[in-house]
């Protein structure tokens, strides 16, 4: 049995292949400029051809083992085909066909998120990266979002947000706080009043016991503060009693205000007289010394 290569080289098979090539139309070449195309169907056909080429190259660029240079070349070729596709899409719209640009794909990062920046690389309008080209050195940083720097607020901005609510002045406006705290406040007030009345009753009993001089038979338990108050009152009462016991009665008549005033005046007179007498005596001594020429 003959091999496939031998069959293909046989005279009959070569004749049949030649006849088939003669029947075929010459292979058409895509126009270099989209404006040269005048038929809508041809323009759509060339667009579909470009889409197939882009698909093949995008599938090839997914391989990370191709190397950095080959990945960059493939990425450039894909971007060139995308620009050419855009020319054909605009030509299709001019010829009255559908607008394919409305549903065009968006640029995404490594996680699949859409990148809103139309030109993150700076290599021309709409330059994109595909597949393993996104992981090349210098490209990954383009898709990473810079960390957000928290701006430190100034003192003016901090105080600008402070209002009456910050200090709690508007807590009672809604009425919720009043309804919640009303019952608790009334209970606390009643308990405080009962405690005050109990303490006042104990104090009154202690005062009565101190005044009567008898030992107070108080059956209630006093707190430390209450005991201190009772002890102070008891000591004050005992001090008053000692003062009454040590009172001194004077049997000598005391001078009145006029007599005291007269005595003060007499005392001042005596002081002035003694002062002037001493000055006259000192002058006489100095004169005598001068006359006798006595010097110390």
C-alpha atoms as a PDB file:
ATOM      1  CA  UNK A   1       0.000   0.000   0.000  1.00  0.00           C
ATOM      2  CA  UNK A   2       1.392   3.363  -1.019  1.00  0.00           C
ATOM      3  CA  UNK A   3       2.126   6.098   1.481  1.00  0.00           C
ATOM      4  CA  UNK A   4       0.316   9.424   1.623  1.00  0.00           C
ATOM      5  CA  UNK A   5       3.315  11.339   0.273  1.00  0.00           C
ATOM      6  CA  UNK A   6       3.535   8.994  -2.691  1.00  0.00           C
ATOM      7  CA  UNK A   7      -0.152   9.399  -3.366  1.00  0.00           C
ATOM      8  CA  UNK A   8       0.189  13.162  -3.338  1.00  0.00           C
ATOM      9  CA  UNK A   9       3.078  12.975  -5.813  1.00  0.00           C
ATOM     10  CA  UNK A  10       1.173  10.753  -8.229  1.00  0.00           C
ATOM     11  CA  UNK A  11       0.245  12.235 -11.627  1.00  0.00           C
ATOM     12  CA  UNK A  12      -3.498  11.974 -11.058  1.00  0.00           C
ATOM     13  CA  UNK A  13      -3.483  13.727  -7.703  1.00  0.00           C
ATOM     14  CA  UNK A  14      -1.268  16.513  -8.985  1.00  0.00           C
ATOM     15  CA  UNK A  15      -3.584  17.034 -11.928  1.00  0.00           C
ATOM     16  CA  UNK A  16      -6.637  17.236  -9.708  1.00  0.00           C
ATOM     17  CA  UNK A  17      -4.970  19.728  -7.321  1.00  0.00           C
ATOM     18  CA  UNK A  18      -3.965  21.915 -10.275  1.00  0.00           C
ATOM     19  CA  UNK A  19      -7.516  21.976 -11.641  1.00  0.00           C
ATOM     20  CA  UNK A  20      -8.880  22.971  -8.237  1.00  0.00           C
ATOM     21  CA  UNK A  21      -6.425  25.853  -7.980  1.00  0.00           C
ATOM     22  CA  UNK A  22      -7.477  27.074 -11.414  1.00  0.00           C
ATOM     23  CA  UNK A  23     -11.106  27.158 -10.347  1.00  0.00           C
ATOM     24  CA  UNK A  24     -10.344  29.179  -7.226  1.00  0.00           C
ATOM     25  CA  UNK A  25     -10.365  32.948  -7.372  1.00  0.00           C
ATOM     26  CA  UNK A  26      -7.092  34.729  -6.738  1.00  0.00           C
ATOM     27  CA  UNK A  27      -6.531  35.299  -3.018  1.00  0.00           C
ATOM     28  CA  UNK A  28      -7.610  38.781  -2.051  1.00  0.00           C
ATOM     29  CA  UNK A  29      -5.353  40.933   0.054  1.00  0.00           C
ATOM     30  CA  UNK A  30      -6.679  43.251   2.754  1.00  0.00           C
ATOM     31  CA  UNK A  31      -6.433  46.876   1.671  1.00  0.00           C
ATOM     32  CA  UNK A  32      -3.804  48.927   3.429  1.00  0.00           C
ATOM     33  CA  UNK A  33      -6.237  51.793   3.995  1.00  0.00           C
ATOM     34  CA  UNK A  34      -9.783  51.254   5.146  1.00  0.00           C
ATOM     35  CA  UNK A  35     -10.938  54.225   3.063  1.00  0.00           C
ATOM     36  CA  UNK A  36     -10.144  52.268  -0.125  1.00  0.00           C
ATOM     37  CA  UNK A  37     -12.948  49.790   0.596  1.00  0.00           C
ATOM     38  CA  UNK A  38     -16.310  50.706  -0.967  1.00  0.00           C
ATOM     39  CA  UNK A  39     -18.377  47.639  -0.032  1.00  0.00           C
ATOM     40  CA  UNK A  40     -19.923  47.155   3.415  1.00  0.00           C
ATOM     41  CA  UNK A  41     -19.678  43.377   3.254  1.00  0.00           C
ATOM     42  CA  UNK A  42     -15.989  43.531   2.374  1.00  0.00           C
ATOM     43  CA  UNK A  43     -15.321  45.956   5.223  1.00  0.00           C
ATOM     44  CA  UNK A  44     -17.076  43.635   7.678  1.00  0.00           C
ATOM     45  CA  UNK A  45     -15.102  40.682   6.279  1.00  0.00           C
ATOM     46  CA  UNK A  46     -11.778  42.451   6.794  1.00  0.00           C
ATOM     47  CA  UNK A  47     -12.817  43.388  10.313  1.00  0.00           C
ATOM     48  CA  UNK A  48     -13.609  39.748  11.073  1.00  0.00           C
ATOM     49  CA  UNK A  49     -10.222  38.732   9.666  1.00  0.00           C
ATOM     50  CA  UNK A  50      -8.465  41.211  11.967  1.00  0.00           C
ATOM     51  CA  UNK A  51     -10.478  39.905  14.928  1.00  0.00           C
ATOM     52  CA  UNK A  52      -9.293  36.348  14.190  1.00  0.00           C
ATOM     53  CA  UNK A  53      -5.673  37.484  14.028  1.00  0.00           C
ATOM     54  CA  UNK A  54      -6.049  39.319  17.321  1.00  0.00           C
ATOM     55  CA  UNK A  55      -7.547  36.199  18.897  1.00  0.00           C
ATOM     56  CA  UNK A  56      -4.648  34.002  17.767  1.00  0.00           C
ATOM     57  CA  UNK A  57      -2.033  36.447  19.036  1.00  0.00           C
ATOM     58  CA  UNK A  58      -3.824  36.976  22.368  1.00  0.00           C
ATOM     59  CA  UNK A  59      -3.880  33.197  22.871  1.00  0.00           C
ATOM     60  CA  UNK A  60      -0.173  33.042  22.062  1.00  0.00           C
ATOM     61  CA  UNK A  61       0.779  35.887  24.421  1.00  0.00           C
ATOM     62  CA  UNK A  62      -0.633  34.005  27.413  1.00  0.00           C
ATOM     63  CA  UNK A  63       2.498  31.810  27.408  1.00  0.00           C
ATOM     64  CA  UNK A  64       4.970  33.305  29.910  1.00  0.00           C
ATOM     65  CA  UNK A  65       7.838  31.163  28.593  1.00  0.00           C
ATOM     66  CA  UNK A  66       8.155  33.073  25.322  1.00  0.00           C
ATOM     67  CA  UNK A  67      10.574  35.573  26.771  1.00  0.00           C
ATOM     68  CA  UNK A  68      10.398  39.283  27.388  1.00  0.00           C
ATOM     69  CA  UNK A  69      11.303  40.388  23.840  1.00  0.00           C
ATOM     70  CA  UNK A  70       8.809  38.074  22.124  1.00  0.00           C
ATOM     71  CA  UNK A  71       6.055  39.113  24.556  1.00  0.00           C
ATOM     72  CA  UNK A  72       6.715  42.781  23.880  1.00  0.00           C
ATOM     73  CA  UNK A  73       6.659  42.188  20.111  1.00  0.00           C
ATOM     74  CA  UNK A  74       3.382  40.276  20.335  1.00  0.00           C
ATOM     75  CA  UNK A  75       1.857  43.004  22.474  1.00  0.00           C
ATOM     76  CA  UNK A  76       2.891  45.639  19.924  1.00  0.00           C
ATOM     77  CA  UNK A  77       1.403  43.572  17.074  1.00  0.00           C
ATOM     78  CA  UNK A  78      -1.881  43.166  18.974  1.00  0.00           C
ATOM     79  CA  UNK A  79      -2.108  46.909  19.617  1.00  0.00           C
ATOM     80  CA  UNK A  80      -1.397  47.582  15.935  1.00  0.00           C
ATOM     81  CA  UNK A  81      -4.205  45.213  14.900  1.00  0.00           C
ATOM     82  CA  UNK A  82      -6.557  46.869  17.417  1.00  0.00           C
ATOM     83  CA  UNK A  83      -5.863  50.291  15.880  1.00  0.00           C
ATOM     84  CA  UNK A  84      -6.480  48.851  12.401  1.00  0.00           C
ATOM     85  CA  UNK A  85      -9.714  47.295  13.631  1.00  0.00           C
ATOM     86  CA  UNK A  86     -10.802  50.720  14.840  1.00  0.00           C
ATOM     87  CA  UNK A  87     -10.217  52.168  11.347  1.00  0.00           C
ATOM     88  CA  UNK A  88     -12.371  49.466   9.779  1.00  0.00           C
ATOM     89  CA  UNK A  89     -15.120  49.967  12.370  1.00  0.00           C
ATOM     90  CA  UNK A  90     -15.265  53.679  11.602  1.00  0.00           C
ATOM     91  CA  UNK A  91     -15.355  52.834   7.867  1.00  0.00           C
ATOM     92  CA  UNK A  92     -18.252  50.439   8.480  1.00  0.00           C
ATOM     93  CA  UNK A  93     -20.175  53.230  10.193  1.00  0.00           C
ATOM     94  CA  UNK A  94     -19.441  55.538   7.247  1.00  0.00           C
ATOM     95  CA  UNK A  95     -20.789  52.896   4.847  1.00  0.00           C
ATOM     96  CA  UNK A  96     -24.008  52.645   6.881  1.00  0.00           C
ATOM     97  CA  UNK A  97     -23.187  49.573   8.959  1.00  0.00           C
ATOM     98  CA  UNK A  98     -23.500  48.954  12.731  1.00  0.00           C
ATOM     99  CA  UNK A  99     -21.351  50.764  15.292  1.00  0.00           C
ATOM    100  CA  UNK A 100     -19.132  48.140  16.936  1.00  0.00           C
ATOM    101  CA  UNK A 101     -17.251  50.642  19.136  1.00  0.00           C
ATOM    102  CA  UNK A 102     -20.130  50.887  21.613  1.00  0.00           C
ATOM    103  CA  UNK A 103     -19.551  47.335  22.842  1.00  0.00           C
ATOM    104  CA  UNK A 104     -15.742  47.290  22.694  1.00  0.00           C
ATOM    105  CA  UNK A 105     -13.796  45.573  25.492  1.00  0.00           C
ATOM    106  CA  UNK A 106     -12.325  47.600  28.358  1.00  0.00           C
ATOM    107  CA  UNK A 107      -8.776  47.437  29.665  1.00  0.00           C
ATOM    108  CA  UNK A 108      -8.454  45.343  32.838  1.00  0.00           C
ATOM    109  CA  UNK A 109      -5.700  44.774  35.391  1.00  0.00           C
ATOM    110  CA  UNK A 110      -4.305  41.442  36.642  1.00  0.00           C
ATOM    111  CA  UNK A 111      -7.342  40.876  38.885  1.00  0.00           C
ATOM    112  CA  UNK A 112      -9.836  41.573  36.074  1.00  0.00           C
ATOM    113  CA  UNK A 113     -10.853  45.030  37.281  1.00  0.00           C
ATOM    114  CA  UNK A 114     -11.563  47.592  34.589  1.00  0.00           C
ATOM    115  CA  UNK A 115      -8.909  50.305  34.337  1.00  0.00           C
ATOM    116  CA  UNK A 116     -10.516  53.667  33.648  1.00  0.00           C
ATOM    117  CA  UNK A 117      -7.254  55.315  32.576  1.00  0.00           C
ATOM    118  CA  UNK A 118      -7.237  55.296  28.752  1.00  0.00           C
ATOM    119  CA  UNK A 119      -3.448  55.442  28.454  1.00  0.00           C
ATOM    120  CA  UNK A 120      -1.625  54.210  31.574  1.00  0.00           C
ATOM    121  CA  UNK A 121       1.647  53.345  29.816  1.00  0.00           C
ATOM    122  CA  UNK A 122       2.380  56.575  27.990  1.00  0.00           C
ATOM    123  CA  UNK A 123       3.049  54.761  24.679  1.00  0.00           C
ATOM    124  CA  UNK A 124       0.346  56.459  22.692  1.00  0.00           C
ATOM    125  CA  UNK A 125      -3.404  56.769  22.960  1.00  0.00           C
ATOM    126  CA  UNK A 126      -5.094  53.520  23.916  1.00  0.00           C
ATOM    127  CA  UNK A 127      -2.008  51.304  24.253  1.00  0.00           C
ATOM    128  CA  UNK A 128      -2.908  48.097  26.103  1.00  0.00           C
ATOM    129  CA  UNK A 129      -1.186  45.093  27.634  1.00  0.00           C
ATOM    130  CA  UNK A 130      -2.399  41.516  27.274  1.00  0.00           C
ATOM    131  CA  UNK A 131      -1.715  38.194  28.959  1.00  0.00           C
ATOM    132  CA  UNK A 132       1.802  37.693  30.254  1.00  0.00           C
ATOM    133  CA  UNK A 133       2.801  41.184  29.073  1.00  0.00           C
ATOM    134  CA  UNK A 134       1.060  42.604  32.138  1.00  0.00           C
ATOM    135  CA  UNK A 135       3.638  40.859  34.358  1.00  0.00           C
ATOM    136  CA  UNK A 136       6.696  42.261  32.611  1.00  0.00           C
ATOM    137  CA  UNK A 137       9.083  44.437  34.649  1.00  0.00           C
ATOM    138  CA  UNK A 138       7.945  48.039  34.588  1.00  0.00           C
ATOM    139  CA  UNK A 139       4.414  47.119  33.475  1.00  0.00           C
ATOM    140  CA  UNK A 140       3.045  45.663  36.711  1.00  0.00           C
ATOM    141  CA  UNK A 141       3.569  49.021  38.443  1.00  0.00           C
ATOM    142  CA  UNK A 142       1.245  50.685  35.927  1.00  0.00           C
ATOM    143  CA  UNK A 143      -1.717  48.633  37.136  1.00  0.00           C
ATOM    144  CA  UNK A 144      -0.983  48.960  40.852  1.00  0.00           C
ATOM    145  CA  UNK A 145      -2.885  51.697  42.574  1.00  0.00           C
ATOM    146  CA  UNK A 146      -0.698  54.055  44.588  1.00  0.00           C
ATOM    147  CA  UNK A 147      -1.369  53.947  48.331  1.00  0.00           C
ATOM    148  CA  UNK A 148      -3.763  56.610  49.478  1.00  0.00           C
ATOM    149  CA  UNK A 149      -2.006  59.160  51.624  1.00  0.00           C
ATOM    150  CA  UNK A 150      -4.135  60.264  54.526  1.00  0.00           C
ATOM    151  CA  UNK A 151      -3.835  63.994  54.712  1.00  0.00           C
ATOM    152  CA  UNK A 152      -3.462  65.225  58.231  1.00  0.00           C
ATOM    153  CA  UNK A 153      -6.336  67.490  59.150  1.00  0.00           C
ATOM    154  CA  UNK A 154      -5.530  70.931  60.421  1.00  0.00           C
ATOM    155  CA  UNK A 155      -6.823  72.352  63.670  1.00  0.00           C
ATOM    156  CA  UNK A 156      -9.245  74.550  61.727  1.00  0.00           C
ATOM    157  CA  UNK A 157     -10.798  71.553  59.939  1.00  0.00           C
ATOM    158  CA  UNK A 158     -11.139  69.677  63.234  1.00  0.00           C
ATOM    159  CA  UNK A 159     -12.913  72.543  64.988  1.00  0.00           C
ATOM    160  CA  UNK A 160     -15.065  73.184  61.923  1.00  0.00           C
ATOM    161  CA  UNK A 161     -16.875  69.879  62.501  1.00  0.00           C
ATOM    162  CA  UNK A 162     -17.573  70.597  66.174  1.00  0.00           C
ATOM    163  CA  UNK A 163     -21.099  71.815  66.860  1.00  0.00           C
ATOM    164  CA  UNK A 164     -23.683  71.618  69.639  1.00  0.00           C
ATOM    165  CA  UNK A 165     -24.201  67.900  69.044  1.00  0.00           C
ATOM    166  CA  UNK A 166     -20.534  67.230  69.823  1.00  0.00           C
ATOM    167  CA  UNK A 167     -21.005  68.598  73.347  1.00  0.00           C
ATOM    168  CA  UNK A 168     -24.281  66.733  73.842  1.00  0.00           C
ATOM    169  CA  UNK A 169     -26.541  69.778  73.874  1.00  0.00           C
ATOM    170  CA  UNK A 170     -28.986  68.203  71.416  1.00  0.00           C
ATOM    171  CA  UNK A 171     -29.385  64.840  73.111  1.00  0.00           C
ATOM    172  CA  UNK A 172     -32.746  65.811  74.601  1.00  0.00           C
ATOM    173  CA  UNK A 173     -34.268  67.178  71.394  1.00  0.00           C
ATOM    174  CA  UNK A 174     -35.543  63.852  70.083  1.00  0.00           C
ATOM    175  CA  UNK A 175     -37.198  62.920  73.399  1.00  0.00           C
ATOM    176  CA  UNK A 176     -35.763  59.405  73.486  1.00  0.00           C
ATOM    177  CA  UNK A 177     -33.329  60.177  76.295  1.00  0.00           C
ATOM    178  CA  UNK A 178     -36.097  61.659  78.442  1.00  0.00           C
ATOM    179  CA  UNK A 179     -38.272  58.559  78.098  1.00  0.00           C
ATOM    180  CA  UNK A 180     -35.374  56.264  78.958  1.00  0.00           C
ATOM    181  CA  UNK A 181     -33.953  58.232  81.882  1.00  0.00           C
ATOM    182  CA  UNK A 182     -37.245  59.447  83.385  1.00  0.00           C
ATOM    183  CA  UNK A 183     -38.177  56.305  85.383  1.00  0.00           C
ATOM    184  CA  UNK A 184     -34.601  55.711  86.516  1.00  0.00           C
ATOM    185  CA  UNK A 185     -34.247  59.328  87.626  1.00  0.00           C
ATOM    186  CA  UNK A 186     -37.455  59.217  89.672  1.00  0.00           C
ATOM    187  CA  UNK A 187     -36.358  55.979  91.387  1.00  0.00           C
ATOM    188  CA  UNK A 188     -32.939  57.406  92.239  1.00  0.00           C
ATOM    189  CA  UNK A 189     -34.503  60.608  93.544  1.00  0.00           C
ATOM    190  CA  UNK A 190     -36.927  58.677  95.793  1.00  0.00           C
ATOM    191  CA  UNK A 191     -34.108  56.492  97.111  1.00  0.00           C
ATOM    192  CA  UNK A 192     -31.995  59.578  97.884  1.00  0.00           C
ATOM    193  CA  UNK A 193     -34.906  61.215  99.734  1.00  0.00           C
ATOM    194  CA  UNK A 194     -35.495  58.089 101.828  1.00  0.00           C
ATOM    195  CA  UNK A 195     -31.818  57.878 102.714  1.00  0.00           C
ATOM    196  CA  UNK A 196     -31.747  61.561 103.697  1.00  0.00           C
ATOM    197  CA  UNK A 197     -34.813  61.173 105.902  1.00  0.00           C
ATOM    198  CA  UNK A 198     -33.277  58.157 107.632  1.00  0.00           C
ATOM    199  CA  UNK A 199     -30.043  60.048 108.357  1.00  0.00           C
ATOM    200  CA  UNK A 200     -31.934  63.088 109.650  1.00  0.00           C
ATOM    201  CA  UNK A 201     -33.944  60.889 112.014  1.00  0.00           C
ATOM    202  CA  UNK A 202     -30.750  59.355 113.391  1.00  0.00           C
ATOM    203  CA  UNK A 203     -29.254  62.819 113.885  1.00  0.00           C
ATOM    204  CA  UNK A 204     -32.338  64.045 115.744  1.00  0.00           C
ATOM    205  CA  UNK A 205     -32.263  61.060 118.071  1.00  0.00           C
ATOM    206  CA  UNK A 206     -28.564  61.647 118.761  1.00  0.00           C
ATOM    207  CA  UNK A 207     -29.164  65.331 119.549  1.00  0.00           C
ATOM    208  CA  UNK A 208     -31.983  64.494 121.954  1.00  0.00           C
ATOM    209  CA  UNK A 209     -29.748  61.982 123.722  1.00  0.00           C
ATOM    210  CA  UNK A 210     -26.935  64.534 124.065  1.00  0.00           C
ATOM    211  CA  UNK A 211     -29.239  67.239 125.467  1.00  0.00           C
ATOM    212  CA  UNK A 212     -30.847  64.919 127.998  1.00  0.00           C
ATOM    213  CA  UNK A 213     -27.463  63.618 129.179  1.00  0.00           C
ATOM    214  CA  UNK A 214     -28.634  60.064 129.022  1.00  0.00           C
ATOM    215  CA  UNK A 215     -27.115  57.286 127.030  1.00  0.00           C
ATOM    216  CA  UNK A 216     -28.847  57.078 123.697  1.00  0.00           C
ATOM    217  CA  UNK A 217     -30.260  53.673 122.936  1.00  0.00           C
ATOM    218  CA  UNK A 218     -30.078  53.867 119.181  1.00  0.00           C
ATOM    219  CA  UNK A 219     -30.930  50.612 117.547  1.00  0.00           C
ATOM    220  CA  UNK A 220     -30.090  51.690 114.048  1.00  0.00           C
ATOM    221  CA  UNK A 221     -26.652  51.247 112.519  1.00  0.00           C
ATOM    222  CA  UNK A 222     -24.794  54.479 111.890  1.00  0.00           C
ATOM    223  CA  UNK A 223     -22.467  54.905 109.031  1.00  0.00           C
ATOM    224  CA  UNK A 224     -18.971  56.247 109.576  1.00  0.00           C
ATOM    225  CA  UNK A 225     -19.883  59.702 108.336  1.00  0.00           C
ATOM    226  CA  UNK A 226     -22.963  59.850 110.548  1.00  0.00           C
ATOM    227  CA  UNK A 227     -20.940  58.803 113.616  1.00  0.00           C
ATOM    228  CA  UNK A 228     -18.420  61.583 112.922  1.00  0.00           C
ATOM    229  CA  UNK A 229     -21.189  64.186 112.764  1.00  0.00           C
ATOM    230  CA  UNK A 230     -22.754  62.983 116.024  1.00  0.00           C
ATOM    231  CA  UNK A 231     -19.358  62.933 117.751  1.00  0.00           C
ATOM    232  CA  UNK A 232     -18.635  66.514 116.668  1.00  0.00           C
ATOM    233  CA  UNK A 233     -21.988  67.719 117.949  1.00  0.00           C
ATOM    234  CA  UNK A 234     -21.439  65.912 121.265  1.00  0.00           C
ATOM    235  CA  UNK A 235     -17.972  67.450 121.723  1.00  0.00           C
ATOM    236  CA  UNK A 236     -19.294  70.926 120.898  1.00  0.00           C
ATOM    237  CA  UNK A 237     -22.047  70.574 123.521  1.00  0.00           C
ATOM    238  CA  UNK A 238     -19.560  69.414 126.169  1.00  0.00           C
ATOM    239  CA  UNK A 239     -17.266  72.378 125.416  1.00  0.00           C
ATOM    240  CA  UNK A 240     -20.126  74.800 125.931  1.00  0.00           C
ATOM    241  CA  UNK A 241     -20.895  73.224 129.319  1.00  0.00           C
ATOM    242  CA  UNK A 242     -17.226  73.587 130.410  1.00  0.00           C
ATOM    243  CA  UNK A 243     -17.258  77.262 129.455  1.00  0.00           C
ATOM    244  CA  UNK A 244     -20.320  77.833 131.625  1.00  0.00           C
ATOM    245  CA  UNK A 245     -18.614  76.148 134.565  1.00  0.00           C
ATOM    246  CA  UNK A 246     -15.434  78.266 134.283  1.00  0.00           C
ATOM    247  CA  UNK A 247     -17.152  81.643 133.997  1.00  0.00           C
ATOM    248  CA  UNK A 248     -15.385  84.343 136.153  1.00  0.00           C
ATOM    249  CA  UNK A 249     -17.480  86.984 137.938  1.00  0.00           C
ATOM    250  CA  UNK A 250     -15.669  90.339 138.424  1.00  0.00           C
ATOM    251  CA  UNK A 251     -16.674  92.247 141.611  1.00  0.00           C
ATOM    252  CA  UNK A 252     -14.530  95.370 140.827  1.00  0.00           C
ATOM    253  CA  UNK A 253     -16.274  98.228 138.940  1.00  0.00           C
ATOM    254  CA  UNK A 254     -14.871  98.568 135.427  1.00  0.00           C
ATOM    255  CA  UNK A 255     -14.178 102.015 133.859  1.00  0.00           C
ATOM    256  CA  UNK A 256     -16.474 103.281 131.170  1.00  0.00           C
ATOM    257  CA  UNK A 257     -15.511 104.713 127.777  1.00  0.00           C
ATOM    258  CA  UNK A 258     -15.040 108.321 128.967  1.00  0.00           C
ATOM    259  CA  UNK A 259     -12.748 107.249 131.775  1.00  0.00           C
ATOM    260  CA  UNK A 260     -10.652 105.166 129.380  1.00  0.00           C
ATOM    261  CA  UNK A 261     -10.398 108.114 126.947  1.00  0.00           C
ATOM    262  CA  UNK A 262      -9.226 110.449 129.748  1.00  0.00           C
ATOM    263  CA  UNK A 263      -6.579 107.985 130.861  1.00  0.00           C
ATOM    264  CA  UNK A 264      -5.234 107.696 127.317  1.00  0.00           C
ATOM    265  CA  UNK A 265      -4.993 111.477 126.974  1.00  0.00           C
ATOM    266  CA  UNK A 266      -3.090 111.795 130.276  1.00  0.00           C
ATOM    267  CA  UNK A 267      -0.650 109.124 129.168  1.00  0.00           C
ATOM    268  CA  UNK A 268       0.077 110.933 125.882  1.00  0.00           C
ATOM    269  CA  UNK A 269       0.656 114.206 127.790  1.00  0.00           C
ATOM    270  CA  UNK A 270       3.212 112.576 130.045  1.00  0.00           C
ATOM    271  CA  UNK A 271       5.062 111.115 127.082  1.00  0.00           C
ATOM    272  CA  UNK A 272       5.279 114.511 125.331  1.00  0.00           C
ATOM    273  CA  UNK A 273       6.524 116.277 128.496  1.00  0.00           C
ATOM    274  CA  UNK A 274       9.223 113.725 129.069  1.00  0.00           C
ATOM    275  CA  UNK A 275      10.326 114.034 125.437  1.00  0.00           C
ATOM    276  CA  UNK A 276      10.620 117.850 125.559  1.00  0.00           C
ATOM    277  CA  UNK A 277      12.443 117.746 128.945  1.00  0.00           C
ATOM    278  CA  UNK A 278      15.033 115.386 127.568  1.00  0.00           C
ATOM    279  CA  UNK A 279      15.605 117.589 124.513  1.00  0.00           C
ATOM    280  CA  UNK A 280      16.141 120.751 126.715  1.00  0.00           C
ATOM    281  CA  UNK A 281      18.586 118.872 128.914  1.00  0.00           C
ATOM    282  CA  UNK A 282      20.555 117.728 125.900  1.00  0.00           C
ATOM    283  CA  UNK A 283      20.838 121.287 124.578  1.00  0.00           C
ATOM    284  CA  UNK A 284      22.115 122.608 127.923  1.00  0.00           C
ATOM    285  CA  UNK A 285      24.773 119.903 127.986  1.00  0.00           C
ATOM    286  CA  UNK A 286      26.010 120.771 124.518  1.00  0.00           C
ATOM    287  CA  UNK A 287      26.224 124.485 125.328  1.00  0.00           C
ATOM    288  CA  UNK A 288      28.241 123.770 128.479  1.00  0.00           C
ATOM    289  CA  UNK A 289      30.635 121.560 126.523  1.00  0.00           C
ATOM    290  CA  UNK A 290      31.147 124.229 123.897  1.00  0.00           C
ATOM    291  CA  UNK A 291      31.884 126.836 126.539  1.00  0.00           C
ATOM    292  CA  UNK A 292      34.404 124.635 128.289  1.00  0.00           C
ATOM    293  CA  UNK A 293      35.853 123.310 125.011  1.00  0.00           C
ATOM    294  CA  UNK A 294      35.315 119.746 126.075  1.00  0.00           C
ATOM    295  CA  UNK A 295      35.657 117.336 123.210  1.00  0.00           C
ATOM    296  CA  UNK A 296      35.503 113.649 123.237  1.00  0.00           C
END
